[in-house]
Amino acid sequence: QHSVGLVEKNYVYGDIKHEVSVYVKVFANSPFLVCMDLARSQEELIDPKYLWTGPDGKKLEGRRYVNITETGKLMVMGFKESMSGAYTCTLSHKIIETTTQEERETFEAYQFMVYAYREADHAYQVFVRFTTRECELAANRLFFEELKKILNIIISDLTCHITDSSCKCHSVKLPKQGLLHELFVSFQVNPFAPGWEEVCHQVPYDCEAATNMRVQEARDRIGEFFHKQTYALKRRFQTVPIIHYMDHSFSVIRIDSCRPGFGKNDITHKNCASCCVVCGPGTFSPNNEVTCQTCTRPRVKMYGARSC
């Protein structure tokens, strides 16, 4: 018998032997959690009854945010961090002895661990190099400040900005050539410039997707800017500049971060390794880093803590 076709797209079956992990995007509806395993769902059940309890241990029946079908499937709607935790269902049904017609009732419990998650936020770390006449030049610092201003202007309409910028001057000895003085510039293209929240309120259901699109556009514009650089800088400084962009020195890496109360953990959550999953009880994340920290005195019993 081929069971693969029977796993419907939006159903998650229970498993008597161990709890089943389910990841639900914040604000979305959960898939249907089925109060039986796949094998059980292929059999006939006599007088089945389903009892669902939520993470607080109380009955879920009749709560506004749940939809329980008559065949015992549970959907949790508009999922929030605080709804994370253990969802348990007890299935009871009758077994009738063929010979004696005697009835007895049997019970099975299924547990689902349901976690809220968000997509990771992206930022981009950019590295570029410029040649300069010498490292002690006052113009180097002025140039760097000017460069940051220009870049910020290019991406300001995307509510992105330049952060964590640094500029170091090194003398570089090239094979078969003399010494060159180079400015090693690095900065982050970050999507959280003041006012980014308003942009998000227009799409609260998928803020991350919108933010990630904006910052990718910002990254592309900046890449474009450096590709046109050799020409643009000559025009901007009337004299032939002492500082030149080094062709093809532009490189970029993506940096992921999570919203406060969320973190990545590819060991605990290997089925959602790239997701920012809600911090579990006893852990917290106060900032945009990617890991939930452990509380020293774990008083926190809730999911999604931002402090201990």
C-alpha atoms as a PDB file:
ATOM      1  CA  GLN A   1       0.000   0.000   0.000  1.00  0.00           C
ATOM      2  CA  HIS A   2       1.343   3.359  -1.030  1.00  0.00           C
ATOM      3  CA  SER A   3       0.872   5.933   1.696  1.00  0.00           C
ATOM      4  CA  VAL A   4       2.706   8.874   0.141  1.00  0.00           C
ATOM      5  CA  GLY A   5      -0.273  10.031  -1.907  1.00  0.00           C
ATOM      6  CA  LEU A   6      -2.395  10.068   1.233  1.00  0.00           C
ATOM      7  CA  VAL A   7      -0.468  12.795   3.013  1.00  0.00           C
ATOM      8  CA  GLU A   8      -2.537  15.724   1.903  1.00  0.00           C
ATOM      9  CA  LYS A   9      -0.737  18.964   1.414  1.00  0.00           C
ATOM     10  CA  ASN A  10      -2.099  20.838   4.389  1.00  0.00           C
ATOM     11  CA  TYR A  11      -2.400  17.950   6.865  1.00  0.00           C
ATOM     12  CA  VAL A  12       0.076  16.935   9.526  1.00  0.00           C
ATOM     13  CA  TYR A  13      -0.563  13.508  11.087  1.00  0.00           C
ATOM     14  CA  GLY A  14       0.180  12.605  14.669  1.00  0.00           C
ATOM     15  CA  ASP A  15       2.530   9.869  15.754  1.00  0.00           C
ATOM     16  CA  ILE A  16       1.918   7.759  18.830  1.00  0.00           C
ATOM     17  CA  LYS A  17       5.600   7.121  19.448  1.00  0.00           C
ATOM     18  CA  HIS A  18       6.857  10.703  19.524  1.00  0.00           C
ATOM     19  CA  GLU A  19       5.740  14.306  19.325  1.00  0.00           C
ATOM     20  CA  VAL A  20       5.542  15.906  15.899  1.00  0.00           C
ATOM     21  CA  SER A  21       7.127  19.334  15.303  1.00  0.00           C
ATOM     22  CA  VAL A  22       5.138  21.838  13.274  1.00  0.00           C
ATOM     23  CA  TYR A  23       6.318  25.316  12.189  1.00  0.00           C
ATOM     24  CA  VAL A  24       3.777  28.042  11.547  1.00  0.00           C
ATOM     25  CA  LYS A  25       4.637  31.429  10.107  1.00  0.00           C
ATOM     26  CA  VAL A  26       3.630  34.316  12.369  1.00  0.00           C
ATOM     27  CA  PHE A  27       0.114  35.613  11.545  1.00  0.00           C
ATOM     28  CA  ALA A  28      -0.578  32.640   9.257  1.00  0.00           C
ATOM     29  CA  ASN A  29      -2.927  29.709   9.919  1.00  0.00           C
ATOM     30  CA  SER A  30      -1.434  26.399  10.953  1.00  0.00           C
ATOM     31  CA  PRO A  31      -1.888  23.352   8.747  1.00  0.00           C
ATOM     32  CA  PHE A  32      -4.577  20.929   9.937  1.00  0.00           C
ATOM     33  CA  LEU A  33      -3.216  18.788  12.768  1.00  0.00           C
ATOM     34  CA  VAL A  34      -4.823  15.369  12.443  1.00  0.00           C
ATOM     35  CA  CYS A  35      -5.752  13.574  15.653  1.00  0.00           C
ATOM     36  CA  MET A  36      -4.485  10.185  14.434  1.00  0.00           C
ATOM     37  CA  ASP A  37      -1.565   8.679  12.613  1.00  0.00           C
ATOM     38  CA  LEU A  38      -1.563   7.838   8.942  1.00  0.00           C
ATOM     39  CA  ALA A  39      -2.309   4.141   9.515  1.00  0.00           C
ATOM     40  CA  ARG A  40      -5.273   4.923  11.787  1.00  0.00           C
ATOM     41  CA  SER A  41      -6.667   7.344   9.212  1.00  0.00           C
ATOM     42  CA  GLN A  42      -6.949   4.443   6.724  1.00  0.00           C
ATOM     43  CA  GLU A  43      -9.138   2.362   9.050  1.00  0.00           C
ATOM     44  CA  GLU A  44     -12.756   2.613  10.059  1.00  0.00           C
ATOM     45  CA  LEU A  45     -13.339   4.076  13.502  1.00  0.00           C
ATOM     46  CA  ILE A  46     -16.472   3.514  15.550  1.00  0.00           C
ATOM     47  CA  ASP A  47     -17.800   6.450  17.598  1.00  0.00           C
ATOM     48  CA  PRO A  48     -14.572   8.446  17.411  1.00  0.00           C
ATOM     49  CA  LYS A  49     -14.226  11.359  19.852  1.00  0.00           C
ATOM     50  CA  TYR A  50     -11.474  13.958  19.825  1.00  0.00           C
ATOM     51  CA  LEU A  51     -10.300  16.068  22.735  1.00  0.00           C
ATOM     52  CA  TRP A  52      -7.778  18.840  21.972  1.00  0.00           C
ATOM     53  CA  THR A  53      -5.886  20.733  24.653  1.00  0.00           C
ATOM     54  CA  GLY A  54      -3.606  23.727  24.096  1.00  0.00           C
ATOM     55  CA  PRO A  55      -0.209  24.696  25.572  1.00  0.00           C
ATOM     56  CA  ASP A  56      -1.931  25.947  28.739  1.00  0.00           C
ATOM     57  CA  GLY A  57      -3.386  22.474  29.300  1.00  0.00           C
ATOM     58  CA  LYS A  58      -6.965  23.718  28.819  1.00  0.00           C
ATOM     59  CA  LYS A  59      -9.556  22.545  26.326  1.00  0.00           C
ATOM     60  CA  LEU A  60      -9.367  24.224  22.906  1.00  0.00           C
ATOM     61  CA  GLU A  61     -12.960  23.586  21.852  1.00  0.00           C
ATOM     62  CA  GLY A  62     -14.897  26.829  21.432  1.00  0.00           C
ATOM     63  CA  ARG A  63     -11.926  29.221  21.407  1.00  0.00           C
ATOM     64  CA  ARG A  64     -12.087  31.993  18.838  1.00  0.00           C
ATOM     65  CA  TYR A  65      -8.763  31.286  17.176  1.00  0.00           C
ATOM     66  CA  VAL A  66      -9.206  27.555  16.582  1.00  0.00           C
ATOM     67  CA  ASN A  67     -11.101  25.613  13.955  1.00  0.00           C
ATOM     68  CA  ILE A  68     -11.781  21.985  14.888  1.00  0.00           C
ATOM     69  CA  THR A  69     -13.480  19.874  12.229  1.00  0.00           C
ATOM     70  CA  GLU A  70     -15.947  17.115  13.053  1.00  0.00           C
ATOM     71  CA  THR A  71     -13.269  14.575  12.134  1.00  0.00           C
ATOM     72  CA  GLY A  72     -10.976  15.972  14.817  1.00  0.00           C
ATOM     73  CA  LYS A  73      -8.610  18.068  12.708  1.00  0.00           C
ATOM     74  CA  LEU A  74      -7.325  21.231  14.390  1.00  0.00           C
ATOM     75  CA  MET A  75      -6.303  24.463  12.708  1.00  0.00           C
ATOM     76  CA  VAL A  76      -4.916  27.348  14.782  1.00  0.00           C
ATOM     77  CA  MET A  77      -5.626  30.676  13.095  1.00  0.00           C
ATOM     78  CA  GLY A  78      -3.609  33.884  13.022  1.00  0.00           C
ATOM     79  CA  PHE A  79      -0.688  32.246  14.798  1.00  0.00           C
ATOM     80  CA  LYS A  80       1.198  34.362  17.348  1.00  0.00           C
ATOM     81  CA  GLU A  81       4.410  33.653  19.286  1.00  0.00           C
ATOM     82  CA  SER A  82       2.407  33.143  22.476  1.00  0.00           C
ATOM     83  CA  MET A  83       0.431  30.303  20.869  1.00  0.00           C
ATOM     84  CA  SER A  84       3.572  28.175  20.526  1.00  0.00           C
ATOM     85  CA  GLY A  85       3.869  25.015  22.594  1.00  0.00           C
ATOM     86  CA  ALA A  86       2.387  21.553  22.999  1.00  0.00           C
ATOM     87  CA  TYR A  87      -0.962  20.755  21.418  1.00  0.00           C
ATOM     88  CA  THR A  88      -2.301  17.408  22.539  1.00  0.00           C
ATOM     89  CA  CYS A  89      -5.187  15.412  21.210  1.00  0.00           C
ATOM     90  CA  THR A  90      -6.779  12.338  22.716  1.00  0.00           C
ATOM     91  CA  LEU A  91      -8.623  10.099  20.309  1.00  0.00           C
ATOM     92  CA  SER A  92     -11.101   7.645  21.764  1.00  0.00           C
ATOM     93  CA  HIS A  93     -13.039   5.106  19.750  1.00  0.00           C
ATOM     94  CA  LYS A  94     -14.887   1.830  20.304  1.00  0.00           C
ATOM     95  CA  ILE A  95     -13.770  -1.613  19.359  1.00  0.00           C
ATOM     96  CA  ILE A  96     -16.569  -4.156  18.901  1.00  0.00           C
ATOM     97  CA  GLU A  97     -15.733  -7.840  19.276  1.00  0.00           C
ATOM     98  CA  THR A  98     -16.998  -9.624  16.200  1.00  0.00           C
ATOM     99  CA  THR A  99     -18.199 -12.735  18.054  1.00  0.00           C
ATOM    100  CA  THR A 100     -19.645 -11.353  21.283  1.00  0.00           C
ATOM    101  CA  GLN A 101     -20.534  -7.867  20.016  1.00  0.00           C
ATOM    102  CA  GLU A 102     -18.932  -6.653  23.219  1.00  0.00           C
ATOM    103  CA  GLU A 103     -17.826  -2.979  23.137  1.00  0.00           C
ATOM    104  CA  ARG A 104     -14.764  -1.568  24.731  1.00  0.00           C
ATOM    105  CA  GLU A 105     -13.317   1.907  24.457  1.00  0.00           C
ATOM    106  CA  THR A 106      -9.696   2.604  23.577  1.00  0.00           C
ATOM    107  CA  PHE A 107      -7.688   5.841  23.885  1.00  0.00           C
ATOM    108  CA  GLU A 108      -4.654   7.175  22.040  1.00  0.00           C
ATOM    109  CA  ALA A 109      -2.813  10.440  22.643  1.00  0.00           C
ATOM    110  CA  TYR A 110      -0.989  12.473  20.013  1.00  0.00           C
ATOM    111  CA  GLN A 111       1.280  15.377  20.743  1.00  0.00           C
ATOM    112  CA  PHE A 112       2.304  18.192  18.414  1.00  0.00           C
ATOM    113  CA  MET A 113       4.940  20.797  19.248  1.00  0.00           C
ATOM    114  CA  VAL A 114       3.853  23.886  17.336  1.00  0.00           C
ATOM    115  CA  TYR A 115       6.318  26.761  16.921  1.00  0.00           C
ATOM    116  CA  ALA A 116       5.875  30.243  15.503  1.00  0.00           C
ATOM    117  CA  TYR A 117       8.568  31.266  13.049  1.00  0.00           C
ATOM    118  CA  ARG A 118       9.493  34.222  10.875  1.00  0.00           C
ATOM    119  CA  GLU A 119      11.716  34.482   7.830  1.00  0.00           C
ATOM    120  CA  ALA A 120      15.199  35.794   8.617  1.00  0.00           C
ATOM    121  CA  ASP A 121      15.874  39.472   7.877  1.00  0.00           C
ATOM    122  CA  HIS A 122      18.722  40.057   5.471  1.00  0.00           C
ATOM    123  CA  ALA A 123      21.410  42.700   5.491  1.00  0.00           C
ATOM    124  CA  TYR A 124      24.429  42.834   3.181  1.00  0.00           C
ATOM    125  CA  GLN A 125      28.038  43.366   4.148  1.00  0.00           C
ATOM    126  CA  VAL A 126      29.896  45.101   1.314  1.00  0.00           C
ATOM    127  CA  PHE A 127      33.672  45.258   0.782  1.00  0.00           C
ATOM    128  CA  VAL A 128      35.351  47.630  -1.696  1.00  0.00           C
ATOM    129  CA  ARG A 129      38.858  48.943  -2.212  1.00  0.00           C
ATOM    130  CA  PHE A 130      40.296  52.238  -3.454  1.00  0.00           C
ATOM    131  CA  THR A 131      43.839  53.236  -4.240  1.00  0.00           C
ATOM    132  CA  THR A 132      45.077  56.445  -2.643  1.00  0.00           C
ATOM    133  CA  ARG A 133      48.312  58.415  -2.810  1.00  0.00           C
ATOM    134  CA  GLU A 134      49.302  57.806   0.784  1.00  0.00           C
ATOM    135  CA  CYS A 135      47.745  56.581   4.024  1.00  0.00           C
ATOM    136  CA  GLU A 136      48.268  59.788   6.040  1.00  0.00           C
ATOM    137  CA  LEU A 137      46.207  61.835   3.598  1.00  0.00           C
ATOM    138  CA  ALA A 138      43.459  63.981   5.165  1.00  0.00           C
ATOM    139  CA  ALA A 139      41.499  63.488   1.947  1.00  0.00           C
ATOM    140  CA  ASN A 140      41.051  59.793   2.767  1.00  0.00           C
ATOM    141  CA  ARG A 141      38.721  60.457   5.670  1.00  0.00           C
ATOM    142  CA  LEU A 142      36.822  63.174   3.805  1.00  0.00           C
ATOM    143  CA  PHE A 143      36.415  60.844   0.865  1.00  0.00           C
ATOM    144  CA  PHE A 144      35.036  58.088   3.098  1.00  0.00           C
ATOM    145  CA  GLU A 145      32.490  60.450   4.708  1.00  0.00           C
ATOM    146  CA  GLU A 146      31.470  61.717   1.278  1.00  0.00           C
ATOM    147  CA  LEU A 147      31.130  58.165  -0.046  1.00  0.00           C
ATOM    148  CA  LYS A 148      28.796  57.205   2.815  1.00  0.00           C
ATOM    149  CA  LYS A 149      26.639  60.278   2.165  1.00  0.00           C
ATOM    150  CA  ILE A 150      26.305  59.421  -1.523  1.00  0.00           C
ATOM    151  CA  LEU A 151      25.445  55.775  -0.785  1.00  0.00           C
ATOM    152  CA  ASN A 152      22.837  56.758   1.804  1.00  0.00           C
ATOM    153  CA  ILE A 153      21.194  59.090  -0.708  1.00  0.00           C
ATOM    154  CA  ILE A 154      21.078  56.334  -3.339  1.00  0.00           C
ATOM    155  CA  ILE A 155      19.094  54.011  -1.043  1.00  0.00           C
ATOM    156  CA  SER A 156      17.193  56.382   1.262  1.00  0.00           C
ATOM    157  CA  ASP A 157      13.868  55.993  -0.583  1.00  0.00           C
ATOM    158  CA  LEU A 158      14.022  52.272   0.257  1.00  0.00           C
ATOM    159  CA  THR A 159      14.240  53.076   4.010  1.00  0.00           C
ATOM    160  CA  CYS A 160      17.625  51.360   3.990  1.00  0.00           C
ATOM    161  CA  HIS A 161      20.847  52.878   5.283  1.00  0.00           C
ATOM    162  CA  ILE A 162      24.577  52.307   5.644  1.00  0.00           C
ATOM    163  CA  THR A 163      25.707  51.033   9.063  1.00  0.00           C
ATOM    164  CA  ASP A 164      28.824  49.500  10.653  1.00  0.00           C
ATOM    165  CA  SER A 165      31.115  51.224   8.199  1.00  0.00           C
ATOM    166  CA  SER A 166      34.882  51.163   8.439  1.00  0.00           C
ATOM    167  CA  CYS A 167      37.773  52.394   6.338  1.00  0.00           C
ATOM    168  CA  LYS A 168      41.339  51.245   6.894  1.00  0.00           C
ATOM    169  CA  CYS A 169      44.371  52.212   4.913  1.00  0.00           C
ATOM    170  CA  HIS A 170      47.070  49.626   4.171  1.00  0.00           C
ATOM    171  CA  SER A 171      50.152  49.609   2.047  1.00  0.00           C
ATOM    172  CA  VAL A 172      50.082  46.669  -0.303  1.00  0.00           C
ATOM    173  CA  LYS A 173      53.111  45.187  -2.033  1.00  0.00           C
ATOM    174  CA  LEU A 174      52.134  43.653  -5.353  1.00  0.00           C
ATOM    175  CA  PRO A 175      54.227  40.972  -7.091  1.00  0.00           C
ATOM    176  CA  LYS A 176      56.701  42.530  -9.529  1.00  0.00           C
ATOM    177  CA  GLN A 177      55.521  46.031  -8.584  1.00  0.00           C
ATOM    178  CA  GLY A 178      56.135  48.651  -5.962  1.00  0.00           C
ATOM    179  CA  LEU A 179      53.987  49.615  -2.965  1.00  0.00           C
ATOM    180  CA  LEU A 180      50.391  50.689  -3.388  1.00  0.00           C
ATOM    181  CA  HIS A 181      48.324  52.458  -0.739  1.00  0.00           C
ATOM    182  CA  GLU A 182      44.817  51.120  -0.519  1.00  0.00           C
ATOM    183  CA  LEU A 183      41.687  52.006   1.403  1.00  0.00           C
ATOM    184  CA  PHE A 184      39.836  48.895   2.535  1.00  0.00           C
ATOM    185  CA  VAL A 185      36.230  50.012   2.948  1.00  0.00           C
ATOM    186  CA  SER A 186      33.469  47.884   4.420  1.00  0.00           C
ATOM    187  CA  PHE A 187      29.910  48.709   5.431  1.00  0.00           C
ATOM    188  CA  GLN A 188      26.545  47.107   5.926  1.00  0.00           C
ATOM    189  CA  VAL A 189      23.455  47.788   3.833  1.00  0.00           C
ATOM    190  CA  ASN A 190      20.744  47.612   6.460  1.00  0.00           C
ATOM    191  CA  PRO A 191      16.953  47.664   5.898  1.00  0.00           C
ATOM    192  CA  PHE A 192      16.019  49.261   9.219  1.00  0.00           C
ATOM    193  CA  ALA A 193      16.518  52.967   8.515  1.00  0.00           C
ATOM    194  CA  PRO A 194      14.217  55.225  10.565  1.00  0.00           C
ATOM    195  CA  GLY A 195      10.668  54.902   9.259  1.00  0.00           C
ATOM    196  CA  TRP A 196      10.954  51.259   8.158  1.00  0.00           C
ATOM    197  CA  GLU A 197       8.136  50.230  10.506  1.00  0.00           C
ATOM    198  CA  GLU A 198       5.565  52.355   8.674  1.00  0.00           C
ATOM    199  CA  VAL A 199       6.511  50.629   5.443  1.00  0.00           C
ATOM    200  CA  CYS A 200       5.908  47.321   7.208  1.00  0.00           C
ATOM    201  CA  HIS A 201       2.494  48.234   8.601  1.00  0.00           C
ATOM    202  CA  GLN A 202       1.210  48.130   5.041  1.00  0.00           C
ATOM    203  CA  VAL A 203       2.123  44.428   4.854  1.00  0.00           C
ATOM    204  CA  PRO A 204       2.190  43.106   8.435  1.00  0.00           C
ATOM    205  CA  TYR A 205       1.572  39.551   7.284  1.00  0.00           C
ATOM    206  CA  ASP A 206       4.821  39.360   5.478  1.00  0.00           C
ATOM    207  CA  CYS A 207       6.945  42.164   6.713  1.00  0.00           C
ATOM    208  CA  GLU A 208      10.161  40.176   6.250  1.00  0.00           C
ATOM    209  CA  ALA A 209       9.538  39.470   2.584  1.00  0.00           C
ATOM    210  CA  ALA A 210       8.945  43.170   1.917  1.00  0.00           C
ATOM    211  CA  THR A 211      11.991  44.200   3.973  1.00  0.00           C
ATOM    212  CA  ASN A 212      14.185  41.634   2.239  1.00  0.00           C
ATOM    213  CA  MET A 213      13.073  42.839  -1.180  1.00  0.00           C
ATOM    214  CA  ARG A 214      13.891  46.437  -0.255  1.00  0.00           C
ATOM    215  CA  VAL A 215      17.357  45.644   1.029  1.00  0.00           C
ATOM    216  CA  GLN A 216      18.138  43.497  -1.999  1.00  0.00           C
ATOM    217  CA  GLU A 217      17.190  46.382  -4.252  1.00  0.00           C
ATOM    218  CA  ALA A 218      19.452  48.644  -2.159  1.00  0.00           C
ATOM    219  CA  ARG A 219      22.305  46.155  -2.530  1.00  0.00           C
ATOM    220  CA  ASP A 220      21.798  46.055  -6.308  1.00  0.00           C
ATOM    221  CA  ARG A 221      21.818  49.858  -6.589  1.00  0.00           C
ATOM    222  CA  ILE A 222      25.046  50.073  -4.635  1.00  0.00           C
ATOM    223  CA  GLY A 223      26.618  47.357  -6.776  1.00  0.00           C
ATOM    224  CA  GLU A 224      25.579  49.313  -9.856  1.00  0.00           C
ATOM    225  CA  PHE A 225      27.067  52.481  -8.351  1.00  0.00           C
ATOM    226  CA  PHE A 226      30.472  50.843  -7.937  1.00  0.00           C
ATOM    227  CA  HIS A 227      30.400  49.347 -11.406  1.00  0.00           C
ATOM    228  CA  LYS A 228      29.973  52.860 -12.818  1.00  0.00           C
ATOM    229  CA  GLN A 229      32.475  54.169 -10.328  1.00  0.00           C
ATOM    230  CA  THR A 230      35.570  54.868 -12.322  1.00  0.00           C
ATOM    231  CA  TYR A 231      33.603  57.271 -14.464  1.00  0.00           C
ATOM    232  CA  ALA A 232      31.434  58.832 -11.738  1.00  0.00           C
ATOM    233  CA  LEU A 233      34.232  59.739  -9.338  1.00  0.00           C
ATOM    234  CA  LYS A 234      36.192  61.560 -12.029  1.00  0.00           C
ATOM    235  CA  ARG A 235      33.182  63.737 -12.682  1.00  0.00           C
ATOM    236  CA  ARG A 236      32.454  64.426  -9.047  1.00  0.00           C
ATOM    237  CA  PHE A 237      35.919  65.715  -8.185  1.00  0.00           C
ATOM    238  CA  GLN A 238      36.938  68.206 -10.873  1.00  0.00           C
ATOM    239  CA  THR A 239      40.613  67.466 -10.425  1.00  0.00           C
ATOM    240  CA  VAL A 240      41.732  63.972 -11.294  1.00  0.00           C
ATOM    241  CA  PRO A 241      41.010  62.204  -8.020  1.00  0.00           C
ATOM    242  CA  ILE A 242      43.874  60.967  -5.910  1.00  0.00           C
ATOM    243  CA  ILE A 243      41.531  58.223  -4.794  1.00  0.00           C
ATOM    244  CA  HIS A 244      40.520  55.603  -7.350  1.00  0.00           C
ATOM    245  CA  TYR A 245      38.003  52.802  -7.108  1.00  0.00           C
ATOM    246  CA  MET A 246      39.767  49.503  -7.775  1.00  0.00           C
ATOM    247  CA  ASP A 247      37.886  47.725 -10.543  1.00  0.00           C
ATOM    248  CA  HIS A 248      36.224  44.452  -9.531  1.00  0.00           C
ATOM    249  CA  SER A 249      37.003  44.985  -5.840  1.00  0.00           C
ATOM    250  CA  PHE A 250      33.286  45.043  -4.971  1.00  0.00           C
ATOM    251  CA  SER A 251      32.174  41.960  -3.038  1.00  0.00           C
ATOM    252  CA  VAL A 252      29.155  41.304  -0.864  1.00  0.00           C
ATOM    253  CA  ILE A 253      27.954  38.696   1.642  1.00  0.00           C
ATOM    254  CA  ARG A 254      24.511  38.268   3.155  1.00  0.00           C
ATOM    255  CA  ILE A 255      24.017  38.483   6.893  1.00  0.00           C
ATOM    256  CA  ASP A 256      20.860  37.087   8.489  1.00  0.00           C
ATOM    257  CA  SER A 257      19.239  38.406  11.614  1.00  0.00           C
ATOM    258  CA  CYS A 258      16.085  37.565  13.560  1.00  0.00           C
ATOM    259  CA  ARG A 259      13.513  39.804  15.230  1.00  0.00           C
ATOM    260  CA  PRO A 260      13.603  40.048  19.042  1.00  0.00           C
ATOM    261  CA  GLY A 261      12.075  36.941  20.633  1.00  0.00           C
ATOM    262  CA  PHE A 262      13.200  34.730  17.725  1.00  0.00           C
ATOM    263  CA  GLY A 263      16.412  32.892  16.852  1.00  0.00           C
ATOM    264  CA  LYS A 264      17.875  30.176  14.681  1.00  0.00           C
ATOM    265  CA  ASN A 265      18.772  26.761  15.994  1.00  0.00           C
ATOM    266  CA  ASP A 266      19.600  24.110  13.438  1.00  0.00           C
ATOM    267  CA  ILE A 267      19.932  21.431  16.115  1.00  0.00           C
ATOM    268  CA  THR A 268      16.594  21.820  17.891  1.00  0.00           C
ATOM    269  CA  HIS A 269      14.788  22.899  14.741  1.00  0.00           C
ATOM    270  CA  LYS A 270      16.545  21.045  11.979  1.00  0.00           C
ATOM    271  CA  ASN A 271      13.385  20.980   9.845  1.00  0.00           C
ATOM    272  CA  CYS A 272      13.324  24.756   9.880  1.00  0.00           C
ATOM    273  CA  ALA A 273      17.045  25.458  10.119  1.00  0.00           C
ATOM    274  CA  SER A 274      17.069  28.708   8.169  1.00  0.00           C
ATOM    275  CA  CYS A 275      13.941  30.029   9.943  1.00  0.00           C
ATOM    276  CA  CYS A 276      13.916  32.385  12.868  1.00  0.00           C
ATOM    277  CA  VAL A 277      11.966  30.215  15.311  1.00  0.00           C
ATOM    278  CA  VAL A 278      10.341  31.597  18.454  1.00  0.00           C
ATOM    279  CA  CYS A 279      12.656  31.404  21.509  1.00  0.00           C
ATOM    280  CA  GLY A 280      11.574  28.539  23.769  1.00  0.00           C
ATOM    281  CA  PRO A 281      10.834  28.812  27.507  1.00  0.00           C
ATOM    282  CA  GLY A 282      13.969  29.611  29.499  1.00  0.00           C
ATOM    283  CA  THR A 283      15.582  31.438  26.567  1.00  0.00           C
ATOM    284  CA  PHE A 284      15.273  34.982  25.221  1.00  0.00           C
ATOM    285  CA  SER A 285      16.508  37.296  22.490  1.00  0.00           C
ATOM    286  CA  PRO A 286      16.509  41.034  23.191  1.00  0.00           C
ATOM    287  CA  ASN A 287      17.842  42.166  19.826  1.00  0.00           C
ATOM    288  CA  ASN A 288      18.276  41.349  16.156  1.00  0.00           C
ATOM    289  CA  GLU A 289      20.891  38.646  16.582  1.00  0.00           C
ATOM    290  CA  VAL A 290      20.298  35.112  15.390  1.00  0.00           C
ATOM    291  CA  THR A 291      20.518  33.168  18.625  1.00  0.00           C
ATOM    292  CA  CYS A 292      18.235  32.848  21.625  1.00  0.00           C
ATOM    293  CA  GLN A 293      20.274  33.217  24.806  1.00  0.00           C
ATOM    294  CA  THR A 294      19.722  31.080  27.878  1.00  0.00           C
ATOM    295  CA  CYS A 295      18.291  32.782  30.968  1.00  0.00           C
ATOM    296  CA  THR A 296      20.545  32.459  34.010  1.00  0.00           C
ATOM    297  CA  ARG A 297      17.569  31.900  36.299  1.00  0.00           C
ATOM    298  CA  PRO A 298      14.949  30.368  34.039  1.00  0.00           C
ATOM    299  CA  ARG A 299      11.758  31.904  35.359  1.00  0.00           C
ATOM    300  CA  VAL A 300      10.481  32.425  31.837  1.00  0.00           C
ATOM    301  CA  LYS A 301       7.789  29.896  31.023  1.00  0.00           C
ATOM    302  CA  MET A 302       6.676  31.645  27.852  1.00  0.00           C
ATOM    303  CA  TYR A 303       7.666  31.488  24.207  1.00  0.00           C
ATOM    304  CA  GLY A 304       9.129  34.501  22.428  1.00  0.00           C
ATOM    305  CA  ALA A 305      10.698  36.192  25.464  1.00  0.00           C
ATOM    306  CA  ARG A 306      12.692  39.367  24.786  1.00  0.00           C
ATOM    307  CA  SER A 307      14.133  39.529  28.290  1.00  0.00           C
ATOM    308  CA  CYS A 308      14.460  37.271  31.312  1.00  0.00           C
END
